[in-house]
PDB file of N, CA and C in Angstrom:
ATOM      1  N   MET A   1      21.752   4.035   7.957  1.00  0.00           N
ATOM      2  CA  MET A   1      20.469   3.406   7.648  1.00  0.00           C
ATOM      3  C   MET A   1      20.255   2.178   8.523  1.00  0.00           C
ATOM      4  N   SER A   2      19.037   1.978   8.912  1.00  0.00           N
ATOM      5  CA  SER A   2      18.734   0.789   9.707  1.00  0.00           C
ATOM      6  C   SER A   2      18.565  -0.414   8.779  1.00  0.00           C
ATOM      7  N   ASP A   3      18.518  -1.600   9.370  1.00  0.00           N
ATOM      8  CA  ASP A   3      18.340  -2.827   8.576  1.00  0.00           C
ATOM      9  C   ASP A   3      17.003  -2.836   7.848  1.00  0.00           C
ATOM     10  N   ASN A   4      15.975  -2.261   8.449  1.00  0.00           N
ATOM     11  CA  ASN A   4      14.664  -2.222   7.801  1.00  0.00           C
ATOM     12  C   ASN A   4      14.669  -1.339   6.561  1.00  0.00           C
ATOM     13  N   ALA A   5      15.438  -0.281   6.570  1.00  0.00           N
ATOM     14  CA  ALA A   5      15.484   0.623   5.433  1.00  0.00           C
ATOM     15  C   ALA A   5      16.214   0.004   4.248  1.00  0.00           C
ATOM     16  N   ARG A   6      17.102  -0.959   4.502  1.00  0.00           N
ATOM     17  CA  ARG A   6      17.864  -1.588   3.426  1.00  0.00           C
ATOM     18  C   ARG A   6      17.293  -2.943   3.003  1.00  0.00           C
ATOM     19  N   ARG A   7      16.123  -3.271   3.463  1.00  0.00           N
ATOM     20  CA  ARG A   7      15.517  -4.554   3.128  1.00  0.00           C
ATOM     21  C   ARG A   7      15.276  -4.645   1.630  1.00  0.00           C
ATOM     22  N   LYS A   8      15.654  -5.757   1.032  1.00  0.00           N
ATOM     23  CA  LYS A   8      15.483  -5.950  -0.401  1.00  0.00           C
ATOM     24  C   LYS A   8      14.120  -6.569  -0.674  1.00  0.00           C
ATOM     25  N   VAL A   9      13.528  -6.172  -1.770  1.00  0.00           N
ATOM     26  CA  VAL A   9      12.225  -6.688  -2.185  1.00  0.00           C
ATOM     27  C   VAL A   9      12.386  -7.261  -3.581  1.00  0.00           C
ATOM     28  N   ALA A  10      11.790  -8.415  -3.809  1.00  0.00           N
ATOM     29  CA  ALA A  10      11.847  -9.041  -5.131  1.00  0.00           C
ATOM     30  C   ALA A  10      10.432  -9.286  -5.639  1.00  0.00           C
ATOM     31  N   ILE A  11      10.285  -9.241  -6.936  1.00  0.00           N
ATOM     32  CA  ILE A  11       9.015  -9.558  -7.588  1.00  0.00           C
ATOM     33  C   ILE A  11       9.276 -10.708  -8.541  1.00  0.00           C
ATOM     34  N   VAL A  12       8.468 -11.753  -8.430  1.00  0.00           N
ATOM     35  CA  VAL A  12       8.616 -12.926  -9.283  1.00  0.00           C
ATOM     36  C   VAL A  12       7.405 -12.994 -10.208  1.00  0.00           C
ATOM     37  N   LEU A  13       7.661 -13.093 -11.495  1.00  0.00           N
ATOM     38  CA  LEU A  13       6.585 -13.198 -12.478  1.00  0.00           C
ATOM     39  C   LEU A  13       6.539 -14.606 -13.038  1.00  0.00           C
ATOM     40  N   PHE A  14       5.343 -15.144 -13.160  1.00  0.00           N
ATOM     41  CA  PHE A  14       5.157 -16.479 -13.702  1.00  0.00           C
ATOM     42  C   PHE A  14       4.257 -16.413 -14.922  1.00  0.00           C
ATOM     43  N   ASN A  15       4.550 -17.227 -15.895  1.00  0.00           N
ATOM     44  CA  ASN A  15       3.652 -17.394 -17.032  1.00  0.00           C
ATOM     45  C   ASN A  15       2.815 -18.633 -16.739  1.00  0.00           C
ATOM     46  N   LEU A  16       1.540 -18.432 -16.429  1.00  0.00           N
ATOM     47  CA  LEU A  16       0.663 -19.533 -16.055  1.00  0.00           C
ATOM     48  C   LEU A  16      -0.062 -20.131 -17.255  1.00  0.00           C
ATOM     49  N   GLY A  17       0.225 -19.632 -18.426  1.00  0.00           N
ATOM     50  CA  GLY A  17      -0.521 -20.107 -19.581  1.00  0.00           C
ATOM     51  C   GLY A  17      -1.884 -19.464 -19.579  1.00  0.00           C
ATOM     52  N   GLY A  18      -2.797 -20.087 -20.263  1.00  0.00           N
ATOM     53  CA  GLY A  18      -4.138 -19.528 -20.312  1.00  0.00           C
ATOM     54  C   GLY A  18      -5.093 -20.495 -20.966  1.00  0.00           C
ATOM     55  N   PRO A  19      -6.346 -20.138 -21.001  1.00  0.00           N
ATOM     56  CA  PRO A  19      -7.352 -21.003 -21.606  1.00  0.00           C
ATOM     57  C   PRO A  19      -7.187 -21.064 -23.116  1.00  0.00           C
ATOM     58  N   ASP A  20      -7.603 -22.199 -23.699  1.00  0.00           N
ATOM     59  CA  ASP A  20      -7.493 -22.398 -25.148  1.00  0.00           C
ATOM     60  C   ASP A  20      -8.590 -21.692 -25.937  1.00  0.00           C
ATOM     61  N   GLY A  21      -9.716 -21.439 -25.297  1.00  0.00           N
ATOM     62  CA  GLY A  21     -10.826 -20.795 -25.978  1.00  0.00           C
ATOM     63  C   GLY A  21     -11.819 -20.265 -24.965  1.00  0.00           C
ATOM     64  N   PRO A  22     -12.891 -19.639 -25.441  1.00  0.00           N
ATOM     65  CA  PRO A  22     -13.879 -19.044 -24.535  1.00  0.00           C
ATOM     66  C   PRO A  22     -14.510 -20.034 -23.556  1.00  0.00           C
ATOM     67  N   ASP A  23     -14.712 -21.278 -23.980  1.00  0.00           N
ATOM     68  CA  ASP A  23     -15.326 -22.267 -23.088  1.00  0.00           C
ATOM     69  C   ASP A  23     -14.385 -22.721 -21.980  1.00  0.00           C
ATOM     70  N   ALA A  24     -13.107 -22.469 -22.123  1.00  0.00           N
ATOM     71  CA  ALA A  24     -12.126 -22.906 -21.135  1.00  0.00           C
ATOM     72  C   ALA A  24     -11.788 -21.822 -20.109  1.00  0.00           C
ATOM     73  N   VAL A  25     -12.366 -20.626 -20.256  1.00  0.00           N
ATOM     74  CA  VAL A  25     -12.034 -19.514 -19.363  1.00  0.00           C
ATOM     75  C   VAL A  25     -12.510 -19.786 -17.933  1.00  0.00           C
ATOM     76  N   GLN A  26     -13.763 -20.189 -17.771  1.00  0.00           N
ATOM     77  CA  GLN A  26     -14.308 -20.413 -16.433  1.00  0.00           C
ATOM     78  C   GLN A  26     -13.560 -21.513 -15.686  1.00  0.00           C
ATOM     79  N   PRO A  27     -13.323 -22.695 -16.286  1.00  0.00           N
ATOM     80  CA  PRO A  27     -12.543 -23.705 -15.562  1.00  0.00           C
ATOM     81  C   PRO A  27     -11.115 -23.247 -15.245  1.00  0.00           C
ATOM     82  N   PHE A  28     -10.506 -22.492 -16.150  1.00  0.00           N
ATOM     83  CA  PHE A  28      -9.154 -21.978 -15.902  1.00  0.00           C
ATOM     84  C   PHE A  28      -9.136 -21.049 -14.687  1.00  0.00           C
ATOM     85  N   LEU A  29     -10.091 -20.110 -14.643  1.00  0.00           N
ATOM     86  CA  LEU A  29     -10.152 -19.185 -13.516  1.00  0.00           C
ATOM     87  C   LEU A  29     -10.467 -19.906 -12.205  1.00  0.00           C
ATOM     88  N   PHE A  30     -11.364 -20.897 -12.271  1.00  0.00           N
ATOM     89  CA  PHE A  30     -11.686 -21.655 -11.068  1.00  0.00           C
ATOM     90  C   PHE A  30     -10.443 -22.364 -10.531  1.00  0.00           C
ATOM     91  N   ASN A  31      -9.711 -23.041 -11.399  1.00  0.00           N
ATOM     92  CA  ASN A  31      -8.496 -23.743 -10.971  1.00  0.00           C
ATOM     93  C   ASN A  31      -7.457 -22.769 -10.412  1.00  0.00           C
ATOM     94  N   LEU A  32      -7.350 -21.609 -11.019  1.00  0.00           N
ATOM     95  CA  LEU A  32      -6.396 -20.606 -10.551  1.00  0.00           C
ATOM     96  C   LEU A  32      -6.734 -20.135  -9.144  1.00  0.00           C
ATOM     97  N   PHE A  33      -7.989 -19.737  -8.927  1.00  0.00           N
ATOM     98  CA  PHE A  33      -8.372 -19.176  -7.630  1.00  0.00           C
ATOM     99  C   PHE A  33      -8.648 -20.237  -6.573  1.00  0.00           C
ATOM    100  N   ASN A  34      -8.771 -21.482  -6.953  1.00  0.00           N
ATOM    101  CA  ASN A  34      -8.945 -22.558  -5.988  1.00  0.00           C
ATOM    102  C   ASN A  34      -7.595 -23.074  -5.468  1.00  0.00           C
ATOM    103  N   ASP A  35      -6.525 -22.555  -5.987  1.00  0.00           N
ATOM    104  CA  ASP A  35      -5.177 -22.944  -5.554  1.00  0.00           C
ATOM    105  C   ASP A  35      -4.889 -22.332  -4.183  1.00  0.00           C
ATOM    106  N   PRO A  36      -4.498 -23.140  -3.191  1.00  0.00           N
ATOM    107  CA  PRO A  36      -4.228 -22.590  -1.864  1.00  0.00           C
ATOM    108  C   PRO A  36      -3.051 -21.604  -1.827  1.00  0.00           C
ATOM    109  N   ALA A  37      -2.201 -21.614  -2.833  1.00  0.00           N
ATOM    110  CA  ALA A  37      -1.118 -20.634  -2.888  1.00  0.00           C
ATOM    111  C   ALA A  37      -1.632 -19.260  -3.321  1.00  0.00           C
ATOM    112  N   ILE A  38      -2.790 -19.215  -3.957  1.00  0.00           N
ATOM    113  CA  ILE A  38      -3.372 -17.951  -4.417  1.00  0.00           C
ATOM    114  C   ILE A  38      -4.295 -17.374  -3.347  1.00  0.00           C
ATOM    115  N   ILE A  39      -5.216 -18.196  -2.850  1.00  0.00           N
ATOM    116  CA  ILE A  39      -6.142 -17.775  -1.794  1.00  0.00           C
ATOM    117  C   ILE A  39      -5.922 -18.697  -0.602  1.00  0.00           C
ATOM    118  N   ARG A  40      -5.417 -18.141   0.467  1.00  0.00           N
ATOM    119  CA  ARG A  40      -5.067 -18.936   1.652  1.00  0.00           C
ATOM    120  C   ARG A  40      -6.225 -18.953   2.643  1.00  0.00           C
ATOM    121  N   LEU A  41      -7.219 -19.760   2.319  1.00  0.00           N
ATOM    122  CA  LEU A  41      -8.362 -19.974   3.188  1.00  0.00           C
ATOM    123  C   LEU A  41      -8.642 -21.466   3.249  1.00  0.00           C
ATOM    124  N   PRO A  42      -9.398 -21.922   4.252  1.00  0.00           N
ATOM    125  CA  PRO A  42      -9.780 -23.335   4.281  1.00  0.00           C
ATOM    126  C   PRO A  42     -10.584 -23.701   3.030  1.00  0.00           C
ATOM    127  N   ASN A  43     -10.524 -24.976   2.665  1.00  0.00           N
ATOM    128  CA  ASN A  43     -11.084 -25.427   1.396  1.00  0.00           C
ATOM    129  C   ASN A  43     -12.536 -25.028   1.138  1.00  0.00           C
ATOM    130  N   PRO A  44     -13.480 -25.174   2.035  1.00  0.00           N
ATOM    131  CA  PRO A  44     -14.846 -24.795   1.647  1.00  0.00           C
ATOM    132  C   PRO A  44     -14.959 -23.320   1.267  1.00  0.00           C
ATOM    133  N   LEU A  45     -14.274 -22.450   1.992  1.00  0.00           N
ATOM    134  CA  LEU A  45     -14.332 -21.017   1.664  1.00  0.00           C
ATOM    135  C   LEU A  45     -13.580 -20.712   0.377  1.00  0.00           C
ATOM    136  N   ARG A  46     -12.408 -21.316   0.209  1.00  0.00           N
ATOM    137  CA  ARG A  46     -11.623 -21.095  -1.010  1.00  0.00           C
ATOM    138  C   ARG A  46     -12.394 -21.558  -2.229  1.00  0.00           C
ATOM    139  N   TRP A  47     -13.060 -22.734  -2.139  1.00  0.00           N
ATOM    140  CA  TRP A  47     -13.845 -23.260  -3.253  1.00  0.00           C
ATOM    141  C   TRP A  47     -14.966 -22.291  -3.612  1.00  0.00           C
ATOM    142  N   LEU A  48     -15.662 -21.781  -2.595  1.00  0.00           N
ATOM    143  CA  LEU A  48     -16.776 -20.856  -2.827  1.00  0.00           C
ATOM    144  C   LEU A  48     -16.290 -19.562  -3.480  1.00  0.00           C
ATOM    145  N   ILE A  49     -15.214 -19.007  -2.980  1.00  0.00           N
ATOM    146  CA  ILE A  49     -14.676 -17.768  -3.560  1.00  0.00           C
ATOM    147  C   ILE A  49     -14.213 -18.002  -4.989  1.00  0.00           C
ATOM    148  N   ALA A  50     -13.547 -19.125  -5.237  1.00  0.00           N
ATOM    149  CA  ALA A  50     -13.104 -19.448  -6.596  1.00  0.00           C
ATOM    150  C   ALA A  50     -14.300 -19.593  -7.533  1.00  0.00           C
ATOM    151  N   LYS A  51     -15.366 -20.207  -7.055  1.00  0.00           N
ATOM    152  CA  LYS A  51     -16.576 -20.387  -7.868  1.00  0.00           C
ATOM    153  C   LYS A  51     -17.207 -19.038  -8.195  1.00  0.00           C
ATOM    154  N   ILE A  52     -17.294 -18.165  -7.209  1.00  0.00           N
ATOM    155  CA  ILE A  52     -17.891 -16.837  -7.423  1.00  0.00           C
ATOM    156  C   ILE A  52     -17.049 -16.015  -8.393  1.00  0.00           C
ATOM    157  N   ILE A  53     -15.748 -15.953  -8.156  1.00  0.00           N
ATOM    158  CA  ILE A  53     -14.875 -15.158  -9.032  1.00  0.00           C
ATOM    159  C   ILE A  53     -14.914 -15.687 -10.458  1.00  0.00           C
ATOM    160  N   SER A  54     -14.774 -16.998 -10.631  1.00  0.00           N
ATOM    161  CA  SER A  54     -14.710 -17.562 -11.983  1.00  0.00           C
ATOM    162  C   SER A  54     -16.028 -17.400 -12.722  1.00  0.00           C
ATOM    163  N   SER A  55     -17.141 -17.519 -12.030  1.00  0.00           N
ATOM    164  CA  SER A  55     -18.427 -17.389 -12.731  1.00  0.00           C
ATOM    165  C   SER A  55     -18.733 -15.946 -13.094  1.00  0.00           C
ATOM    166  N   ARG A  56     -18.237 -15.003 -12.295  1.00  0.00           N
ATOM    167  CA  ARG A  56     -18.471 -13.589 -12.611  1.00  0.00           C
ATOM    168  C   ARG A  56     -17.495 -13.040 -13.633  1.00  0.00           C
ATOM    169  N   ARG A  57     -16.256 -13.526 -13.620  1.00  0.00           N
ATOM    170  CA  ARG A  57     -15.246 -12.982 -14.516  1.00  0.00           C
ATOM    171  C   ARG A  57     -15.227 -13.648 -15.893  1.00  0.00           C
ATOM    172  N   ALA A  58     -15.654 -14.890 -15.984  1.00  0.00           N
ATOM    173  CA  ALA A  58     -15.585 -15.623 -17.252  1.00  0.00           C
ATOM    174  C   ALA A  58     -16.347 -14.927 -18.377  1.00  0.00           C
ATOM    175  N   PRO A  59     -17.558 -14.426 -18.153  1.00  0.00           N
ATOM    176  CA  PRO A  59     -18.262 -13.757 -19.261  1.00  0.00           C
ATOM    177  C   PRO A  59     -17.567 -12.503 -19.771  1.00  0.00           C
ATOM    178  N   VAL A  60     -16.822 -11.846 -18.919  1.00  0.00           N
ATOM    179  CA  VAL A  60     -16.140 -10.603 -19.309  1.00  0.00           C
ATOM    180  C   VAL A  60     -14.974 -10.928 -20.220  1.00  0.00           C
TER     181      VAL A  60
END
């Protein structure tokens, strides 16, 4: 086997907590998606994407 075939893969799971109630869902999602570790884009684009995702997903 080559070195590429034996490459190990790991999955790390984190408990990020969650919103306390329905009114806290949108700010929670915005903070999550505005994190540069989640979406690796420059700040104006990351902020816009976080705003769009959080405003569309919060009602659901």
